Structures are given as C-alpha cells and as structure tokens.
C-alpha cells in the first residue's frame, strides 16, 4: 500500500480512538472539566503529563534543530529535561497541596488580589497562545505532506479534532486521550529510530547506535564531522553559540518549563500530594525515552540527508525528495544550471533549502523504510501536537471561565453556567490558535522556545516566591510579573518580528538571543519583586499561614498528635 493509504488508515484509527475516549470520559462537572475530578492515578497522570509535555516541538522539531545545529542544539535537551526535574522537585507537590484548579487561581489567592489574578490570566493566555501556535504549525506540516493537503487546511482539520475532545471531555477527556497519545507517539518515534540504528550501525539501541561505527568502521559522529567539513559547515560536534547564550537559553527553557501553566495543572488531577511526586517521576522516566533518542535521530537523519542529496543529479533523486518538494519545505535552486545539487554552507553557492521541521518526518523516507513506518511517524507527530494543543486549550478556557468569569466578573455563576463558559472559551481559543498556526512567527521549536521565555519571565518567580517567601506580597508579585513579561515581549518583538529598529543578530543585548532572553527577564522579575515587597506592607497573617502550611508534608501534624 502507498504511504498515503497507510497514513489515512493509521491516522483514522488513532483519531477514532481519541474521539471514542473523549465520548467515554466526557466531563459532567467543572471539577471534571478542570482537573479530571482529582482522581487520576500516578501512572495514568505520568503518561498524560509526558504526552502533554512532548509536543510537536519535542517530536517533530527538536531532533531537526539538533540535526542542523549540532552541539548548539543540545541546549533544548538540557533545558527541557532539566526544567522538568525542577518542576517535579520544587513546584508540583506544593501546588498540589494548595489545591486549586489553575495557576492564576494559585497566584490570585496567594497574593490576595484580583489584580495579581488578572495579570496572571494575561500571562497564561500569552504563553499558551504562543505555545499552541507551534502545535498547530506541526499539525499542518504532517497533513501537508502525508495527506496531501495544504498546510492551512491541515491546521483547520487539526482544530476540529482537538476542539471535539477538548470541549467535550475537558481535563477528564484530555487526560485519558493523552494516555493513548503517549503510547502512539513513543511507538512512532522509537520504531524508525531502531530500524535506522540497525541499518547504519548494526546496533538496535539508538542511544548507543549514534555513538557507534558504520559498516566501514568509522565512528558515525566522526563521519558526520567530516561531511560537514567537506561542505563548509561547522563541525557537528562543536558549538558556535557563545557560552553565555547557551547558558541563558538553557536556563530560560528550564525555568520556563517550571512555569508552564498547562504542565503545572496536570499535578492538580491526582488525589494526594504524594501522587503528584510519583506521577512526576513516571513522567520524567517516560519523557527520557524520547529525549535520549532525539540526538540519535538527529545524527542519522543529517548523515542520510547529506549522503543522499549532496552533489547528486537532481533527476536521479529518490521519490521522497519530490514528495517533500511539493510541500515547499525542501527546495532546489539550480544556480549554476549543472543539474546537480550543491549543498554547502556558503549561501551564495548553496542550492538546497531544507526546513528544519521536516527532518524527523522525512527521516524514515530518506532511509528507505517501509511505508507503514513512514505513516506511523505521521500519526505520532499528530498525537504529539494534538495532545499538547488540548492541554493548552484547557488552560486558556479555564483562565477565562474560572479565573476571569467565576472569580472576578460573576462569582455567583452556577456550575453549569461555568461549564458552558469554559466550552465557549475553548471554541474561541481554537480559532485563535488556528490563526497562529497558519501564520506562525517561526519554525515550531523556535516558536515554542519563546513561550518558555515568556513563562520564565512571568510565572516562575511569582510561583517560587509564593511558595518559599512568606514576605512576598501582592505589590511585589504584580510589579515583577508585569515588568518581566513586558521586557520579554519587547525583546521578542524587536528581534523576532522586527517591530522596532535594530532587529538584527548583531544588535542582541550582551549577545543573548531572544530564546535566551527569558532568563534576563526572569532575573529582572525576581529583583523587582523582592525590592518592591521590601518597601510595601507585608502580606496578611492568614496568607503567611497558607505559605507555612503548604510547605509542611502531608500527615506530619497527624503523626505529631499521636
């Protein structure tokens, strides 16, 4: 069967599964809609969290980034993995003990202020919409190649699917759908990696294969370094970014992870604080499977791409090249009219353009794997993008219905009315997300990296100080969040959208990229928050008691009484 037929079959089966789960687990109350009723087991929550976390950026784009950037791309591995450890240890158990539905809920109550709640809602919407743009772009990429529809139509199809199970099932439906999506995406990611690892090195374990030797006895990484040198690229295993920028990007991704509302809310869905820690442990283990495989896929795909296309006759290229060329994501411009592809570092001579986002999706085709494996990767990419998009849409809808309408505009709204408002907010959110998916600011991983910078600049200081500083008050938190998010927004607009003069790489402040500037904005947030809180009245006694209480492990008081 052709790739397209296999793709329709596998995507059809998985989509039917997702929709079936959504109907089976549809939410009937606001608690089920927001936090799945608070009764999810640690393993199921770990699976769902892993799927929520491993977005289109992780599945589709991260290996592509490492593939093209080599050593420099490792910042995404370090930042996203390290950030999850930070979240599991420092935030998840305490937020679960606080027992609220959303991050703005925590900030609004901890800082005893609707102004703080409003700022938090604004930040949650900004982070979530930036993040979801990357997911919808990923959905469009998969559909455009494998189902032969244009990217915009692919985005619209993805919108309809995710809207169905996010609106119907809420967090309850999303949680059990994400369990299925994790199984699909990890299987789809690992199968081609194992095939290609055996093909290139004889080792079935990709994590070991990419450090092994090929059939001629040359280490794969040495071979890739040699290919890069021949073509004028920097050595694959050496970095070109400054140490300062690498540090700041890694830190922004780490602290941004610990401030992401759609990941944090997952820890509100379990029964106990201890379950939050267990589910974090499960999620980290499940995430590590994909994250330790991504560098291997990057090396395999980069080596295969160069050997397949560099200095080859255009007319004699395999079918995969023409298939991807039709999507516009790979282009050949025969500058010297010799009919051969010159793929070199020198932009004036280079004749090949390759979108970084296609590397994981095209990898099985480049390696000549069976059609069902190629289609499986398409289904996995859709699972990754849709699982995260659903989690983000829930954050957006709950921010509007729970934090704005219920907590601020109409406190007397009924449970049923709040549920209707949440579903209507989801519909609007999907439409806005679709627009950003059709008109993204950058390729998938870069768009998502900006969301992490925004989360680090706004949420992380407010949450960490809210847990560990009894002196932190509403004035400090609000000032810090506003200055942090506005500073990050300004830098993004200046260097990613060129809204202001001087938007080139040479004008970066201290040589720090927009992806790394979230760390600077976060440090500014911390400084402003602490300084302002010291010059304004301390929080009320009942708030101080809340802070003291959430830091005491569950069960301690009962043990002391006995």
Protein backbone atom coordinates (compact mmCIF):
# COMPACT_ATOMS: atom_id res chain seq x y z
CA UNK A 1 0.00 0.00 0.00
CA UNK A 2 1.10 3.59 -0.62
CA UNK A 3 2.27 5.95 2.13
CA UNK A 4 -0.93 7.99 1.79
CA UNK A 5 -3.20 4.94 2.21
CA UNK A 6 -1.22 3.75 5.24
CA UNK A 7 -1.37 7.26 6.71
CA UNK A 8 -5.14 7.51 6.29
CA UNK A 9 -5.53 4.10 7.95
CA UNK A 10 -3.27 4.81 10.94
CA UNK A 11 -4.44 8.40 11.44
CA UNK A 12 -8.06 7.25 11.09
CA UNK A 13 -7.61 4.52 13.72
CA UNK A 14 -5.84 6.82 16.20
CA UNK A 15 -8.32 9.69 15.72
CA UNK A 16 -11.23 7.28 16.22
CA UNK A 17 -9.56 6.10 19.43
CA UNK A 18 -9.12 9.68 20.71
CA UNK A 19 -12.70 10.66 19.95
CA UNK A 20 -14.03 7.43 21.47
CA UNK A 21 -12.12 8.10 24.70
CA UNK A 22 -13.42 11.68 24.77
CA UNK A 23 -17.03 10.47 24.49
CA UNK A 24 -16.47 7.78 27.14
CA UNK A 25 -14.85 10.19 29.60
CA UNK A 26 -16.80 13.39 28.91
CA UNK A 27 -16.89 15.89 31.76
CA UNK A 28 -20.14 16.48 33.62
CA UNK A 29 -18.91 18.94 36.27
CA UNK A 30 -16.45 21.82 36.41
CA UNK A 31 -14.12 19.76 38.62
CA UNK A 32 -14.02 17.03 35.97
CA UNK A 33 -13.55 19.66 33.25
CA UNK A 34 -10.67 21.47 35.02
CA UNK A 35 -8.84 18.70 36.95
CA UNK A 36 -10.44 15.40 35.82
CA UNK A 37 -12.24 15.12 39.16
CA UNK A 38 -8.91 14.97 41.03
CA UNK A 39 -8.84 11.15 40.94
CA UNK A 40 -6.28 10.22 38.27
CA UNK A 41 -3.73 7.51 39.22
CA UNK A 42 0.00 8.43 39.31
CA UNK A 43 0.86 6.18 36.33
CA UNK A 44 -2.01 7.46 34.16
CA UNK A 45 -1.15 11.03 35.12
CA UNK A 46 2.53 10.35 34.35
CA UNK A 47 1.60 9.08 30.89
CA UNK A 48 -0.73 12.03 30.28
CA UNK A 49 1.85 14.53 31.55
CA UNK A 50 4.52 13.04 29.29
CA UNK A 51 2.20 13.35 26.27
CA UNK A 52 1.21 16.89 27.31
CA UNK A 53 4.87 17.79 27.68
CA UNK A 54 6.20 16.15 24.50
CA UNK A 55 4.69 18.49 21.99
CA UNK A 56 5.25 18.93 18.27
CA UNK A 57 8.45 20.76 19.27
CA UNK A 58 9.77 17.63 21.02
CA UNK A 59 8.54 15.10 18.48
CA UNK A 60 8.91 16.95 15.17
CA UNK A 61 11.27 19.85 15.70
CA UNK A 62 13.82 19.11 18.44
CA UNK A 63 15.74 16.42 16.53
CA UNK A 64 15.60 18.69 13.47
CA UNK A 65 17.17 21.51 15.45
CA UNK A 66 19.92 19.23 16.78
CA UNK A 67 20.36 17.83 13.27
CA UNK A 68 21.14 21.25 11.79
CA UNK A 69 22.72 22.97 14.80
CA UNK A 70 24.70 20.01 16.13
CA UNK A 71 26.21 20.70 19.53
CA UNK A 72 24.34 24.03 19.81
CA UNK A 73 21.02 22.19 19.59
CA UNK A 74 21.78 20.36 22.82
CA UNK A 75 20.53 23.37 24.80
CA UNK A 76 16.98 22.20 24.07
CA UNK A 77 17.70 18.75 25.50
CA UNK A 78 19.34 20.17 28.64
CA UNK A 79 16.80 22.93 29.19
CA UNK A 80 13.61 20.95 28.69
CA UNK A 81 14.78 17.89 30.65
CA UNK A 82 16.35 19.89 33.49
CA UNK A 83 13.27 22.06 33.74
CA UNK A 84 11.07 19.07 34.30
CA UNK A 85 13.26 17.94 37.22
CA UNK A 86 12.97 21.45 38.65
CA UNK A 87 9.19 21.37 38.30
CA UNK A 88 8.87 17.94 39.91
CA UNK A 89 11.05 18.79 42.92
CA UNK A 90 10.32 22.45 43.62
CA UNK A 91 6.78 23.19 42.49
CA UNK A 92 4.47 20.24 41.79
CA UNK A 93 3.93 18.88 45.34
CA UNK A 94 3.41 22.33 46.87
CA UNK A 95 0.96 23.47 44.22
CA UNK A 96 -0.97 20.20 44.57
CA UNK A 97 -1.22 20.75 48.32
CA UNK A 98 -2.53 24.27 47.71
CA UNK A 99 -5.40 22.52 45.91
CA UNK A 100 -6.56 24.98 43.25
CA UNK A 101 -7.67 24.42 39.68
CA UNK A 102 -5.27 26.74 37.83
CA UNK A 103 -2.04 28.72 38.14
CA UNK A 104 -3.90 32.08 38.11
CA UNK A 105 -6.04 30.60 40.92
CA UNK A 106 -2.89 29.99 42.99
CA UNK A 107 -1.48 33.45 42.26
CA UNK A 108 -4.80 35.21 42.88
CA UNK A 109 -5.28 33.55 46.29
CA UNK A 110 -1.62 33.55 47.37
CA UNK A 111 -1.28 37.24 46.56
CA UNK A 112 -4.80 38.07 47.85
CA UNK A 113 -5.50 40.27 44.84
CA UNK A 114 -7.68 40.28 41.74
CA UNK A 115 -5.07 42.48 40.07
CA UNK A 116 -2.50 39.69 40.54
CA UNK A 117 -5.08 37.21 39.22
CA UNK A 118 -5.73 39.40 36.16
CA UNK A 119 -2.03 39.79 35.37
CA UNK A 120 -1.62 36.03 35.77
CA UNK A 121 -4.52 35.34 33.40
CA UNK A 122 -2.97 37.70 30.82
CA UNK A 123 0.38 35.90 31.13
CA UNK A 124 -1.27 32.44 30.92
CA UNK A 125 -3.12 33.40 27.74
CA UNK A 126 0.02 34.91 26.18
CA UNK A 127 2.20 31.88 26.98
CA UNK A 128 -0.46 29.39 25.90
CA UNK A 129 -1.27 31.08 22.59
CA UNK A 130 2.45 31.37 21.72
CA UNK A 131 2.94 27.70 22.57
CA UNK A 132 -0.16 26.46 20.77
CA UNK A 133 0.90 28.25 17.56
CA UNK A 134 3.80 25.81 17.32
CA UNK A 135 1.50 22.82 17.83
CA UNK A 136 -0.91 23.88 15.10
CA UNK A 137 2.03 24.52 12.77
CA UNK A 138 3.18 20.93 13.48
CA UNK A 139 -0.29 19.55 12.67
CA UNK A 140 -0.29 21.48 9.39
CA UNK A 141 3.16 20.12 8.47
CA UNK A 142 2.09 16.50 8.93
CA UNK A 143 -1.15 16.90 7.00
CA UNK A 144 0.50 18.83 4.15
CA UNK A 145 2.98 16.05 3.40
CA UNK A 146 1.28 12.79 4.24
CA UNK A 147 -2.36 13.51 3.43
CA UNK A 148 -1.51 15.83 0.54
CA UNK A 149 -3.48 18.83 1.69
CA UNK A 150 -2.03 22.31 2.09
CA UNK A 151 -0.70 23.39 5.49
CA UNK A 152 -3.63 25.75 6.15
CA UNK A 153 -6.19 23.00 5.53
CA UNK A 154 -4.18 20.68 7.77
CA UNK A 155 -4.33 23.23 10.58
CA UNK A 156 -8.12 23.52 10.21
CA UNK A 157 -8.56 19.71 10.35
CA UNK A 158 -6.42 19.61 13.50
CA UNK A 159 -8.52 22.42 15.02
CA UNK A 160 -11.73 20.46 14.51
CA UNK A 161 -10.34 17.24 16.07
CA UNK A 162 -8.80 18.90 19.12
CA UNK A 163 -11.88 21.06 19.63
CA UNK A 164 -14.07 17.98 19.75
CA UNK A 165 -12.33 16.17 22.57
CA UNK A 166 -11.12 19.25 24.47
CA UNK A 167 -14.59 20.83 24.58
CA UNK A 168 -16.46 17.60 25.24
CA UNK A 169 -14.15 15.93 27.72
CA UNK A 170 -12.31 18.80 29.40
CA UNK A 171 -9.37 17.65 31.55
CA UNK A 172 -11.02 14.29 32.14
CA UNK A 173 -11.29 13.54 28.43
CA UNK A 174 -7.90 15.07 27.67
CA UNK A 175 -6.14 13.03 30.38
CA UNK A 176 -7.23 9.63 29.11
CA UNK A 177 -6.82 10.70 25.48
CA UNK A 178 -3.25 11.75 26.30
CA UNK A 179 -2.52 8.32 27.78
CA UNK A 180 -3.37 6.83 24.38
CA UNK A 181 -1.46 9.59 22.57
CA UNK A 182 1.70 8.90 24.58
CA UNK A 183 1.60 5.24 23.54
CA UNK A 184 1.13 6.24 19.87
CA UNK A 185 3.82 8.94 19.81
CA UNK A 186 6.53 6.97 21.64
CA UNK A 187 5.96 3.89 19.45
CA UNK A 188 6.05 6.08 16.33
CA UNK A 189 9.27 7.79 17.48
CA UNK A 190 11.15 4.64 18.52
CA UNK A 191 10.30 2.20 15.70
CA UNK A 192 12.05 4.13 12.88
CA UNK A 193 14.92 5.05 15.23
CA UNK A 194 15.53 1.34 15.95
CA UNK A 195 15.25 0.41 12.26
CA UNK A 196 17.74 3.09 11.18
CA UNK A 197 20.14 2.38 14.04
CA UNK A 198 20.34 -1.26 12.91
CA UNK A 199 20.64 -0.15 9.28
CA UNK A 200 23.52 2.28 9.92
CA UNK A 201 25.45 0.72 12.82
CA UNK A 202 24.04 -2.76 13.45
CA UNK A 203 23.03 -1.70 16.97
CA UNK A 204 19.28 -1.90 17.79
CA UNK A 205 19.58 0.66 20.62
CA UNK A 206 19.57 4.15 19.01
CA UNK A 207 21.12 5.80 22.09
CA UNK A 208 24.18 3.55 21.63
CA UNK A 209 23.98 3.36 17.83
CA UNK A 210 24.71 7.01 17.13
CA UNK A 211 27.98 6.71 19.09
CA UNK A 212 28.90 3.51 17.22
CA UNK A 213 30.63 2.68 13.94
CA UNK A 214 29.21 2.26 10.45
CA UNK A 215 29.94 -0.75 8.21
CA UNK A 216 33.30 0.73 7.14
CA UNK A 217 34.49 1.01 10.75
CA UNK A 218 34.20 4.81 11.04
CA UNK A 219 32.51 6.33 14.08
CA UNK A 220 29.22 7.90 12.93
CA UNK A 221 29.94 11.24 14.63
CA UNK A 222 33.43 11.40 13.06
CA UNK A 223 31.87 10.65 9.69
CA UNK A 224 29.34 13.46 10.12
CA UNK A 225 32.05 15.89 11.22
CA UNK A 226 33.96 15.00 8.04
CA UNK A 227 30.89 15.54 5.84
CA UNK A 228 30.31 18.93 7.47
CA UNK A 229 33.91 19.99 6.87
CA UNK A 230 33.72 19.00 3.20
CA UNK A 231 30.64 21.18 2.74
CA UNK A 232 32.00 24.15 4.69
CA UNK A 233 29.70 23.75 7.72
CA UNK A 234 30.98 23.98 11.28
CA UNK A 235 31.89 20.63 12.83
CA UNK A 236 28.74 18.87 14.03
CA UNK A 237 30.24 18.16 17.45
CA UNK A 238 31.50 21.73 18.03
CA UNK A 239 29.43 24.74 19.04
CA UNK A 240 29.19 28.20 17.52
CA UNK A 241 27.00 29.86 20.14
CA UNK A 242 28.62 31.84 22.92
CA UNK A 243 28.80 30.12 26.30
CA UNK A 244 26.73 32.95 27.78
CA UNK A 245 23.92 32.47 25.23
CA UNK A 246 23.94 28.68 25.70
CA UNK A 247 23.64 29.18 29.46
CA UNK A 248 20.81 31.72 29.14
CA UNK A 249 18.82 29.65 26.62
CA UNK A 250 19.17 26.53 28.80
CA UNK A 251 18.11 28.47 31.90
CA UNK A 252 15.14 30.08 30.10
CA UNK A 253 13.92 26.66 28.94
CA UNK A 254 14.40 25.17 32.43
CA UNK A 255 12.67 27.91 34.39
CA UNK A 256 10.06 28.31 31.66
CA UNK A 257 9.22 24.61 31.99
CA UNK A 258 8.67 25.07 35.71
CA UNK A 259 6.29 27.94 34.97
CA UNK A 260 4.19 26.41 32.17
CA UNK A 261 0.50 26.50 33.20
CA UNK A 262 -0.57 23.51 31.08
CA UNK A 263 2.08 21.26 32.68
CA UNK A 264 1.54 22.53 36.24
CA UNK A 265 -2.22 21.93 36.06
CA UNK A 266 -1.57 18.22 35.48
CA UNK A 267 -0.47 17.89 39.11
CA UNK A 268 -3.89 19.09 40.30
CA UNK A 269 -5.53 15.99 38.79
CA UNK A 270 -4.17 13.41 41.29
CA UNK A 271 -5.68 12.50 44.67
CA UNK A 272 -2.77 13.21 47.02
CA UNK A 273 0.44 15.23 47.27
CA UNK A 274 2.48 12.01 47.26
CA UNK A 275 0.76 11.07 43.99
CA UNK A 276 1.97 14.34 42.47
CA UNK A 277 5.57 13.32 43.22
CA UNK A 278 5.01 9.78 41.87
CA UNK A 279 3.39 11.00 38.66
CA UNK A 280 6.28 13.45 38.16
CA UNK A 281 8.71 10.54 38.49
CA UNK A 282 6.77 8.43 35.99
CA UNK A 283 6.55 11.34 33.55
CA UNK A 284 10.29 12.02 33.75
CA UNK A 285 11.08 8.38 33.01
CA UNK A 286 8.64 8.29 30.08
CA UNK A 287 9.91 11.60 28.69
CA UNK A 288 13.54 10.40 28.90
CA UNK A 289 12.81 7.63 26.39
CA UNK A 290 12.15 10.19 23.64
CA UNK A 291 14.69 12.79 24.79
CA UNK A 292 17.62 10.35 24.84
CA UNK A 293 16.64 9.10 21.38
CA UNK A 294 16.36 12.53 19.71
CA UNK A 295 20.16 13.12 19.36
CA UNK A 296 20.47 9.73 17.66
CA UNK A 297 17.71 10.54 15.16
CA UNK A 298 19.39 13.91 14.53
CA UNK A 299 22.69 12.23 13.60
CA UNK A 300 21.03 9.51 11.50
CA UNK A 301 18.86 11.95 9.53
CA UNK A 302 21.63 14.50 8.97
CA UNK A 303 24.07 11.87 7.71
CA UNK A 304 21.48 10.28 5.42
CA UNK A 305 20.35 13.66 4.05
CA UNK A 306 23.87 14.77 3.11
CA UNK A 307 24.81 11.43 1.56
CA UNK A 308 21.52 11.24 -0.37
CA UNK A 309 21.39 14.73 -1.92
CA UNK A 310 24.82 16.43 -1.82
CA UNK A 311 26.36 16.67 -5.31
CA UNK A 312 23.77 14.25 -6.70
CA UNK A 313 21.93 14.52 -10.02
CA UNK A 314 18.55 16.16 -9.42
CA UNK A 315 16.86 13.89 -11.98
CA UNK A 316 18.05 10.74 -10.22
CA UNK A 317 16.98 11.64 -6.66
CA UNK A 318 14.68 9.23 -4.78
CA UNK A 319 10.90 9.80 -4.70
CA UNK A 320 10.96 11.22 -1.15
CA UNK A 321 12.69 14.39 -2.38
CA UNK A 322 9.95 15.17 -4.89
CA UNK A 323 7.24 14.37 -2.34
CA UNK A 324 8.64 16.89 0.16
CA UNK A 325 9.46 19.40 -2.57
CA UNK A 326 5.72 19.62 -3.34
CA UNK A 327 5.11 20.89 0.21
CA UNK A 328 7.61 23.74 -0.27
CA UNK A 329 9.53 22.60 2.81
CA UNK A 330 12.53 21.49 0.74
CA UNK A 331 13.62 23.49 -2.33
CA UNK A 332 16.29 23.16 -5.04
CA UNK A 333 17.51 26.22 -6.94
CA UNK A 334 19.97 25.19 -9.69
CA UNK A 335 22.12 28.34 -9.64
CA UNK A 336 24.84 27.05 -11.99
CA UNK A 337 22.46 25.03 -14.23
CA UNK A 338 24.52 21.83 -13.99
CA UNK A 339 21.61 19.65 -12.81
CA UNK A 340 23.44 18.71 -9.60
CA UNK A 341 22.54 19.75 -6.07
CA UNK A 342 25.21 21.83 -4.39
CA UNK A 343 24.51 21.69 -0.66
CA UNK A 344 27.16 23.86 1.01
CA UNK A 345 27.48 26.37 3.85
CA UNK A 346 28.17 29.33 1.53
CA UNK A 347 24.73 30.90 0.97
CA UNK A 348 25.78 32.44 -2.38
CA UNK A 349 26.59 28.99 -3.79
CA UNK A 350 24.17 26.75 -1.84
CA UNK A 351 21.28 25.40 -3.95
CA UNK A 352 19.29 23.49 -1.33
CA UNK A 353 16.87 24.80 1.30
CA UNK A 354 15.62 22.34 3.93
CA UNK A 355 13.06 23.27 6.60
CA UNK A 356 14.37 22.04 9.97
CA UNK A 357 10.91 20.78 10.91
CA UNK A 358 10.84 18.04 8.26
CA UNK A 359 13.83 16.02 9.49
CA UNK A 360 12.02 13.61 11.84
CA UNK A 361 9.07 13.23 9.47
CA UNK A 362 11.24 12.71 6.38
CA UNK A 363 13.85 10.55 8.14
CA UNK A 364 12.15 7.14 7.52
CA UNK A 365 11.62 8.03 3.83
CA UNK A 366 15.26 9.11 3.38
CA UNK A 367 16.38 5.83 4.97
CA UNK A 368 14.06 3.83 2.68
CA UNK A 369 11.97 2.28 5.45
CA UNK A 370 8.63 0.52 4.75
CA UNK A 371 5.59 2.70 4.01
CA UNK A 372 3.80 1.67 7.22
CA UNK A 373 6.72 3.01 9.30
CA UNK A 374 6.61 6.33 7.44
CA UNK A 375 2.85 6.58 8.06
CA UNK A 376 3.35 5.65 11.72
CA UNK A 377 5.62 8.68 12.20
CA UNK A 378 2.88 10.90 10.75
CA UNK A 379 0.37 9.50 13.27
CA UNK A 380 2.91 10.04 16.08
CA UNK A 381 3.56 13.64 15.05
CA UNK A 382 -0.17 14.35 15.11
CA UNK A 383 -0.51 12.68 18.53
CA UNK A 384 2.29 14.85 19.94
CA UNK A 385 0.91 18.10 18.53
CA UNK A 386 -2.73 17.43 19.42
CA UNK A 387 -2.02 16.22 22.98
CA UNK A 388 -0.22 19.43 23.88
CA UNK A 389 -2.67 21.62 21.97
CA UNK A 390 -5.52 20.12 24.02
CA UNK A 391 -3.74 20.84 27.31
CA UNK A 392 -3.04 24.42 26.25
CA UNK A 393 -6.63 24.99 25.16
CA UNK A 394 -7.81 23.81 28.55
CA UNK A 395 -5.54 26.38 30.24
CA UNK A 396 -6.93 29.10 28.01
CA UNK A 397 -10.57 28.14 28.60
CA UNK A 398 -10.14 27.71 32.37
CA UNK A 399 -8.32 31.06 32.61
CA UNK A 400 -11.32 32.74 31.02
CA UNK A 401 -14.20 30.78 32.61
CA UNK A 402 -12.79 30.08 36.09
CA UNK A 403 -10.30 32.87 36.79
CA UNK A 404 -11.99 35.75 34.97
CA UNK A 405 -15.72 34.95 34.99
CA UNK A 406 -16.13 32.85 38.17
CA UNK A 407 -13.56 34.58 40.37
CA UNK A 408 -13.89 38.18 39.20
CA UNK A 409 -16.82 39.04 36.93
CA UNK A 410 -19.68 36.83 38.16
CA UNK A 411 -18.87 34.93 41.41
CA UNK A 412 -22.49 33.66 41.61
CA UNK A 413 -22.40 31.83 38.27
CA UNK A 414 -23.72 28.26 38.51
CA UNK A 415 -21.59 25.19 37.97
CA UNK A 416 -23.45 24.51 34.73
CA UNK A 417 -23.02 28.11 33.55
CA UNK A 418 -19.30 27.99 34.25
CA UNK A 419 -19.01 24.75 32.26
CA UNK A 420 -20.78 26.39 29.28
CA UNK A 421 -18.45 29.40 29.53
CA UNK A 422 -15.40 27.08 29.60
CA UNK A 423 -16.57 25.29 26.45
CA UNK A 424 -17.32 28.55 24.62
CA UNK A 425 -13.88 29.87 25.60
CA UNK A 426 -12.36 26.67 24.14
CA UNK A 427 -14.09 27.32 20.80
CA UNK A 428 -12.73 30.88 20.60
CA UNK A 429 -9.28 29.69 21.73
CA UNK A 430 -9.13 27.04 18.99
CA UNK A 431 -9.96 29.64 16.34
CA UNK A 432 -7.22 32.00 17.57
CA UNK A 433 -4.76 29.09 17.84
CA UNK A 434 -5.59 28.10 14.28
CA UNK A 435 -4.81 31.60 13.06
CA UNK A 436 -1.39 31.48 14.72
CA UNK A 437 -0.82 28.01 13.28
CA UNK A 438 -1.46 29.35 9.78
CA UNK A 439 0.68 32.47 10.43
CA UNK A 440 3.42 31.30 12.85
CA UNK A 441 6.27 33.65 13.86
CA UNK A 442 8.95 30.98 13.24
CA UNK A 443 9.50 27.25 12.85
CA UNK A 444 7.94 25.03 15.52
CA UNK A 445 10.71 24.71 18.11
CA UNK A 446 11.69 28.40 17.96
CA UNK A 447 8.07 29.46 18.44
CA UNK A 448 7.72 27.13 21.41
CA UNK A 449 11.06 28.31 22.86
CA UNK A 450 9.63 31.84 23.00
CA UNK A 451 6.69 30.54 25.05
CA UNK A 452 9.16 29.14 27.57
CA UNK A 453 10.88 32.52 27.77
CA UNK A 454 7.54 34.18 28.46
CA UNK A 455 6.70 31.62 31.18
CA UNK A 456 10.11 32.08 32.82
CA UNK A 457 9.78 35.86 32.71
CA UNK A 458 6.31 35.92 34.25
CA UNK A 459 5.24 32.85 36.25
CA UNK A 460 8.33 31.19 37.69
CA UNK A 461 9.38 33.98 40.12
CA UNK A 462 5.79 34.57 41.28
CA UNK A 463 5.23 30.85 41.96
CA UNK A 464 8.59 30.09 43.60
CA UNK A 465 8.49 33.21 45.80
CA UNK A 466 4.84 32.47 46.59
CA UNK A 467 5.84 29.06 47.96
CA UNK A 468 9.13 29.83 49.67
CA UNK A 469 8.91 33.51 50.76
CA UNK A 470 6.44 34.48 53.48
CA UNK A 471 7.39 38.15 52.96
CA UNK A 472 6.42 38.25 49.27
CA UNK A 473 3.32 40.41 48.84
CA UNK A 474 0.90 41.35 46.08
CA UNK A 475 2.69 44.59 45.15
CA UNK A 476 5.98 42.76 44.59
CA UNK A 477 4.43 39.90 42.62
CA UNK A 478 2.35 42.12 40.33
CA UNK A 479 5.25 44.53 39.66
CA UNK A 480 7.64 41.67 38.92
CA UNK A 481 5.26 39.81 36.60
CA UNK A 482 4.37 42.93 34.63
CA UNK A 483 7.95 44.13 34.16
CA UNK A 484 9.20 40.60 33.38
CA UNK A 485 6.56 39.82 30.74
CA UNK A 486 6.72 43.28 29.13
CA UNK A 487 10.52 43.16 28.91
CA UNK A 488 10.38 39.73 27.26
CA UNK A 489 7.63 40.87 24.89
CA UNK A 490 9.65 43.93 23.86
CA UNK A 491 12.73 41.81 23.12
CA UNK A 492 10.65 39.27 21.16
CA UNK A 493 9.01 41.99 19.07
CA UNK A 494 12.33 43.67 18.43
CA UNK A 495 14.28 40.64 17.27
CA UNK A 496 11.67 38.13 16.08
CA UNK A 497 9.12 40.40 14.45
CA UNK A 498 11.37 43.42 13.74
CA UNK A 499 8.76 45.85 15.08
CA UNK A 500 11.49 48.22 16.22
CA UNK A 501 14.67 49.44 14.56
CA UNK A 502 17.81 47.40 15.10
CA UNK A 503 16.30 43.91 14.98
CA UNK A 504 19.39 42.06 13.73
CA UNK A 505 21.53 39.45 15.45
CA UNK A 506 24.37 41.94 15.81
CA UNK A 507 22.13 44.12 17.99
CA UNK A 508 21.32 41.41 20.58
CA UNK A 509 21.86 42.72 24.11
CA UNK A 510 25.07 41.17 25.51
CA UNK A 511 24.91 38.66 22.64
CA UNK A 512 21.83 36.95 24.14
CA UNK A 513 19.31 35.52 21.66
CA UNK A 514 15.52 36.04 22.02
CA UNK A 515 15.23 32.35 23.06
CA UNK A 516 17.64 33.02 25.95
CA UNK A 517 16.37 36.45 26.96
CA UNK A 518 13.66 34.91 29.14
CA UNK A 519 16.40 34.35 31.74
CA UNK A 520 17.26 38.06 31.80
CA UNK A 521 13.58 38.99 32.11
CA UNK A 522 13.15 36.39 34.86
CA UNK A 523 16.10 37.76 36.88
CA UNK A 524 14.62 41.26 36.45
CA UNK A 525 11.28 39.92 37.72
CA UNK A 526 12.95 38.43 40.81
CA UNK A 527 14.83 41.66 41.60
CA UNK A 528 11.78 43.91 41.12
CA UNK A 529 9.52 41.55 43.13
CA UNK A 530 11.88 41.34 46.10
CA UNK A 531 12.74 45.06 46.17
CA UNK A 532 9.12 46.22 45.85
CA UNK A 533 7.94 43.75 48.52
CA UNK A 534 10.50 45.11 50.99
CA UNK A 535 9.20 48.65 50.62
CA UNK A 536 5.49 47.79 50.82
CA UNK A 537 3.33 46.27 53.60
CA UNK A 538 3.78 42.53 54.36
CA UNK A 539 1.01 40.07 53.41
CA UNK A 540 -1.83 39.39 55.90
CA UNK A 541 -1.32 36.78 58.62
CA UNK A 542 -3.74 34.30 57.02
CA UNK A 543 -1.66 34.32 53.80
CA UNK A 544 1.54 33.73 55.79
CA UNK A 545 -0.17 30.74 57.43
CA UNK A 546 -1.13 29.37 53.99
CA UNK A 547 2.53 29.59 52.88
CA UNK A 548 3.67 27.81 56.05
CA UNK A 549 1.04 25.11 55.62
CA UNK A 550 1.83 24.17 52.00
CA UNK A 551 5.49 23.62 52.91
CA UNK A 552 4.65 21.05 55.63
CA UNK A 553 4.49 17.47 54.25
CA UNK A 554 1.05 15.87 54.42
CA UNK A 555 0.47 13.75 57.52
CA UNK A 556 3.09 15.44 59.72
CA UNK A 557 0.54 17.07 62.01
CA UNK A 558 -1.34 13.81 62.47
CA UNK A 559 1.86 11.96 63.41
CA UNK A 560 2.81 14.67 65.93
CA UNK A 561 -0.62 14.49 67.57
CA UNK A 562 -0.18 10.76 68.20
